[in-house]
Structures are given as structure tokens and as C-alpha cells.
C-alpha atoms as a PDB file:
ATOM      1  CA  ALA A   1      25.865   3.879 -20.195  1.00  0.00           C
ATOM      2  CA  LEU A   2      23.166   1.360 -20.082  1.00  0.00           C
ATOM      3  CA  ALA A   3      23.786  -1.667 -18.056  1.00  0.00           C
ATOM      4  CA  PRO A   4      24.288  -4.737 -20.183  1.00  0.00           C
ATOM      5  CA  MET A   5      21.389  -7.532 -20.261  1.00  0.00           C
ATOM      6  CA  PRO A   6      21.628 -10.455 -18.595  1.00  0.00           C
ATOM      7  CA  THR A   7      22.848 -13.825 -20.256  1.00  0.00           C
ATOM      8  CA  GLN A   8      21.393 -16.008 -17.926  1.00  0.00           C
ATOM      9  CA  PRO A   9      17.841 -16.412 -16.933  1.00  0.00           C
ATOM     10  CA  VAL A  10      16.635 -13.849 -14.349  1.00  0.00           C
ATOM     11  CA  ARG A  11      14.942 -15.665 -11.935  1.00  0.00           C
ATOM     12  CA  VAL A  12      11.685 -13.668 -10.383  1.00  0.00           C
ATOM     13  CA  VAL A  13       9.638 -14.315  -6.890  1.00  0.00           C
ATOM     14  CA  VAL A  14       6.169 -13.036  -6.844  1.00  0.00           C
ATOM     15  CA  VAL A  15       4.864 -13.232  -3.453  1.00  0.00           C
ATOM     16  CA  GLY A  16       0.842 -13.297  -3.215  1.00  0.00           C
ATOM     17  CA  ALA A  17      -1.466 -14.426  -5.515  1.00  0.00           C
ATOM     18  CA  GLY A  18      -3.998 -11.806  -5.176  1.00  0.00           C
ATOM     19  CA  PRO A  19      -5.000  -9.522  -8.538  1.00  0.00           C
ATOM     20  CA  SER A  20      -1.657  -7.849  -8.703  1.00  0.00           C
ATOM     21  CA  GLY A  21       0.704 -10.567  -7.836  1.00  0.00           C
ATOM     22  CA  LEU A  22      -1.105 -12.940 -11.099  1.00  0.00           C
ATOM     23  CA  LEU A  23      -0.974  -9.816 -13.544  1.00  0.00           C
ATOM     24  CA  ALA A  24       2.757  -9.439 -12.289  1.00  0.00           C
ATOM     25  CA  CYS A  25       3.368 -12.898 -13.257  1.00  0.00           C
ATOM     26  CA  ILE A  26       1.443 -12.841 -16.546  1.00  0.00           C
ATOM     27  CA  ASN A  27       3.468 -10.030 -17.490  1.00  0.00           C
ATOM     28  CA  PHE A  28       6.761 -11.324 -16.724  1.00  0.00           C
ATOM     29  CA  LEU A  29       5.668 -14.752 -18.760  1.00  0.00           C
ATOM     30  CA  ASN A  30       4.538 -12.245 -21.785  1.00  0.00           C
ATOM     31  CA  ARG A  31       7.867 -10.757 -21.831  1.00  0.00           C
ATOM     32  CA  ASN A  32       9.346 -14.356 -22.649  1.00  0.00           C
ATOM     33  CA  ALA A  33       7.007 -15.026 -25.139  1.00  0.00           C
ATOM     34  CA  ASN A  34       8.022 -11.165 -26.781  1.00  0.00           C
ATOM     35  CA  SER A  35      11.640 -11.219 -26.062  1.00  0.00           C
ATOM     36  CA  ASN A  36      14.973 -12.853 -26.967  1.00  0.00           C
ATOM     37  CA  ASP A  37      17.127 -11.012 -24.980  1.00  0.00           C
ATOM     38  CA  VAL A  38      15.826 -11.938 -21.497  1.00  0.00           C
ATOM     39  CA  THR A  39      14.027 -15.018 -20.148  1.00  0.00           C
ATOM     40  CA  TYR A  40      12.378 -14.788 -16.725  1.00  0.00           C
ATOM     41  CA  HIS A  41      11.609 -17.972 -14.524  1.00  0.00           C
ATOM     42  CA  VAL A  42       8.861 -16.795 -12.487  1.00  0.00           C
ATOM     43  CA  THR A  43       7.712 -18.502  -8.779  1.00  0.00           C
ATOM     44  CA  LEU A  44       4.727 -17.342  -7.362  1.00  0.00           C
ATOM     45  CA  VAL A  45       4.541 -17.829  -3.307  1.00  0.00           C
ATOM     46  CA  GLU A  46       1.088 -17.674  -1.810  1.00  0.00           C
ATOM     47  CA  ARG A  47       0.774 -18.647   2.058  1.00  0.00           C
ATOM     48  CA  GLY A  48      -2.922 -19.303   1.821  1.00  0.00           C
ATOM     49  CA  GLU A  49      -4.667 -22.196   0.203  1.00  0.00           C
ATOM     50  CA  ASP A  50      -3.118 -24.545  -2.616  1.00  0.00           C
ATOM     51  CA  TYR A  51      -5.975 -23.589  -5.315  1.00  0.00           C
ATOM     52  CA  GLY A  52      -4.279 -25.946  -7.731  1.00  0.00           C
ATOM     53  CA  ALA A  53      -5.260 -28.816  -5.751  1.00  0.00           C
ATOM     54  CA  LEU A  54      -8.837 -27.694  -5.539  1.00  0.00           C
ATOM     55  CA  ASP A  55     -11.732 -29.127  -7.998  1.00  0.00           C
ATOM     56  CA  ALA A  56     -14.293 -26.449  -9.212  1.00  0.00           C
ATOM     57  CA  SER A  57     -16.743 -26.718  -6.180  1.00  0.00           C
ATOM     58  CA  GLY A  58     -13.917 -26.235  -3.805  1.00  0.00           C
ATOM     59  CA  LEU A  59     -12.630 -22.928  -5.809  1.00  0.00           C
ATOM     60  CA  GLU A  60     -16.020 -21.275  -5.604  1.00  0.00           C
ATOM     61  CA  LYS A  61     -16.082 -21.680  -2.028  1.00  0.00           C
ATOM     62  CA  LYS A  62     -12.685 -20.232  -1.723  1.00  0.00           C
ATOM     63  CA  ARG A  63     -12.802 -17.059  -4.265  1.00  0.00           C
ATOM     64  CA  SER A  64     -13.804 -14.126  -2.504  1.00  0.00           C
ATOM     65  CA  TRP A  65     -11.804 -10.994  -3.723  1.00  0.00           C
ATOM     66  CA  MET A  66     -13.460  -8.060  -2.093  1.00  0.00           C
ATOM     67  CA  ILE A  67     -11.467  -5.626  -4.638  1.00  0.00           C
ATOM     68  CA  GLY A  68     -12.582  -2.472  -6.283  1.00  0.00           C
ATOM     69  CA  LEU A  69     -10.117  -1.673  -9.176  1.00  0.00           C
ATOM     70  CA  SER A  70      -9.134   1.703 -10.480  1.00  0.00           C
ATOM     71  CA  THR A  71      -9.044   2.770 -13.800  1.00  0.00           C
ATOM     72  CA  HIS A  72      -5.031   1.596 -14.259  1.00  0.00           C
ATOM     73  CA  GLY A  73      -6.388  -1.639 -12.895  1.00  0.00           C
ATOM     74  CA  LEU A  74      -8.858  -2.356 -15.035  1.00  0.00           C
ATOM     75  CA  THR A  75      -6.904  -1.378 -17.948  1.00  0.00           C
ATOM     76  CA  ALA A  76      -4.032  -3.682 -16.726  1.00  0.00           C
ATOM     77  CA  ILE A  77      -6.323  -6.697 -16.629  1.00  0.00           C
ATOM     78  CA  ARG A  78      -7.726  -5.660 -19.882  1.00  0.00           C
ATOM     79  CA  ARG A  79      -4.492  -6.204 -21.618  1.00  0.00           C
ATOM     80  CA  VAL A  80      -4.137 -10.049 -20.547  1.00  0.00           C
END
């Protein structure tokens, strides 16, 4: 038998605001919009810079993800 769905909000902590962490947050929040059963409360934790406090020029100086995305990664990003 399947476990019953939780009746209270599910709290989720995502560690790291890199591409996979941000994608995980987006996917949990999209589940809120597409489901009446479970509500996710998502907290994103990043040990680096507080990017919300930076202006546009500060963001340009800090943004430097040197990554290569596989087909799976590109497909996931294109979905959002």
C-alpha cells in the first residue's frame, strides 16, 4: 500500500544556489501550482554572496558559472 499523503505542508531545504539547486527549487514550487494534495515550503541556503542584495552591476561581476550541461540538464532547464 502507498503511504498516505501528508496533510501539513512539507518543508524542503535545498542547499546550494547553483543550477541544480535553483532547478530543484523551481520544480518544488511548480508542484505547488499543479497539485492540490501537497504544499511545499522551500528554503534555499547558499553560503556565498547574498545575490538579492546586489544591483545589476554587482550581479554581472559575480556571475561566473563555468559549467557544461548534459542533455538531461539542458532538457530540465528548458522545461522551466
